[in-house]
Amino acid sequence: MILVLLLYVINMVVAEVLQATGNMLLPGLWMAL
């Protein structure tokens, strides 16, 4: 049970980080293109 909760929290954190970096990197990728 604890492992499932831990995986859920890690998944949420990773999703937040990817969304934040994606929002910053997407304009850069468009400029590169």
N, C-alpha and C. Protein backbone atom coordinates (compact mmCIF):
# COMPACT_ATOMS: atom_id res chain seq x y z
N MET A 1 0.84 -1.21 0.00
CA MET A 1 0.00 0.00 0.00
C MET A 1 0.88 1.25 0.00
N ILE A 2 1.91 1.24 0.85
CA ILE A 2 2.80 2.41 0.91
C ILE A 2 3.52 2.58 -0.43
N LEU A 3 3.93 1.46 -1.03
CA LEU A 3 4.65 1.55 -2.30
C LEU A 3 3.76 2.14 -3.39
N VAL A 4 2.50 1.74 -3.41
CA VAL A 4 1.58 2.27 -4.42
C VAL A 4 1.41 3.77 -4.23
N LEU A 5 1.27 4.19 -2.98
CA LEU A 5 1.10 5.62 -2.69
C LEU A 5 2.36 6.38 -3.09
N LEU A 6 3.52 5.78 -2.81
CA LEU A 6 4.79 6.42 -3.15
C LEU A 6 4.93 6.55 -4.67
N LEU A 7 4.59 5.49 -5.39
CA LEU A 7 4.66 5.54 -6.85
C LEU A 7 3.70 6.60 -7.40
N TYR A 8 2.52 6.71 -6.78
CA TYR A 8 1.54 7.70 -7.22
C TYR A 8 2.08 9.11 -7.03
N VAL A 9 2.70 9.37 -5.88
CA VAL A 9 3.27 10.69 -5.60
C VAL A 9 4.41 10.99 -6.57
N ILE A 10 5.28 10.01 -6.79
CA ILE A 10 6.41 10.22 -7.72
C ILE A 10 5.87 10.50 -9.12
N ASN A 11 4.83 9.76 -9.52
CA ASN A 11 4.25 9.97 -10.84
C ASN A 11 3.69 11.38 -10.97
N MET A 12 3.04 11.87 -9.92
CA MET A 12 2.49 13.23 -9.95
C MET A 12 3.61 14.26 -10.05
N VAL A 13 4.68 14.06 -9.29
CA VAL A 13 5.80 15.01 -9.31
C VAL A 13 6.46 15.01 -10.68
N VAL A 14 6.68 13.83 -11.25
CA VAL A 14 7.31 13.74 -12.57
C VAL A 14 6.43 14.41 -13.62
N ALA A 15 5.11 14.20 -13.54
CA ALA A 15 4.19 14.82 -14.49
C ALA A 15 4.25 16.34 -14.37
N GLU A 16 4.30 16.84 -13.14
CA GLU A 16 4.37 18.30 -12.93
C GLU A 16 5.66 18.86 -13.51
N VAL A 17 6.77 18.17 -13.26
CA VAL A 17 8.07 18.64 -13.76
C VAL A 17 8.09 18.61 -15.28
N LEU A 18 7.57 17.53 -15.87
CA LEU A 18 7.56 17.43 -17.33
C LEU A 18 6.68 18.52 -17.93
N GLN A 19 5.55 18.81 -17.29
CA GLN A 19 4.66 19.86 -17.81
C GLN A 19 5.35 21.22 -17.72
N ALA A 20 6.03 21.48 -16.61
CA ALA A 20 6.71 22.76 -16.43
C ALA A 20 7.84 22.91 -17.44
N THR A 21 8.66 21.87 -17.59
CA THR A 21 9.77 21.94 -18.54
C THR A 21 9.24 21.97 -19.97
N GLY A 22 8.15 21.25 -20.22
CA GLY A 22 7.56 21.25 -21.56
C GLY A 22 7.05 22.64 -21.93
N ASN A 23 6.44 23.33 -20.97
CA ASN A 23 5.94 24.68 -21.23
C ASN A 23 7.09 25.64 -21.52
N MET A 24 8.26 25.37 -20.94
CA MET A 24 9.41 26.24 -21.19
C MET A 24 10.14 25.83 -22.47
N LEU A 25 10.16 24.53 -22.77
CA LEU A 25 10.94 24.04 -23.91
C LEU A 25 10.18 24.14 -25.23
N LEU A 26 8.85 24.04 -25.20
CA LEU A 26 8.10 24.07 -26.45
C LEU A 26 8.35 25.34 -27.26
N PRO A 27 8.30 26.54 -26.67
CA PRO A 27 8.62 27.74 -27.45
C PRO A 27 10.03 27.69 -28.02
N GLY A 28 10.98 27.15 -27.24
CA GLY A 28 12.36 27.02 -27.72
C GLY A 28 12.43 26.08 -28.92
N LEU A 29 11.67 25.00 -28.86
CA LEU A 29 11.66 24.06 -29.98
C LEU A 29 11.05 24.71 -31.22
N TRP A 30 9.99 25.49 -31.02
CA TRP A 30 9.37 26.17 -32.15
C TRP A 30 10.35 27.18 -32.77
N MET A 31 11.11 27.88 -31.91
CA MET A 31 12.09 28.84 -32.42
C MET A 31 13.19 28.11 -33.16
N ALA A 32 13.58 26.93 -32.67
CA ALA A 32 14.63 26.15 -33.32
C ALA A 32 14.15 25.68 -34.69
N LEU A 33 12.87 25.36 -34.79
CA LEU A 33 12.34 24.91 -36.08
C LEU A 33 12.22 26.09 -37.03
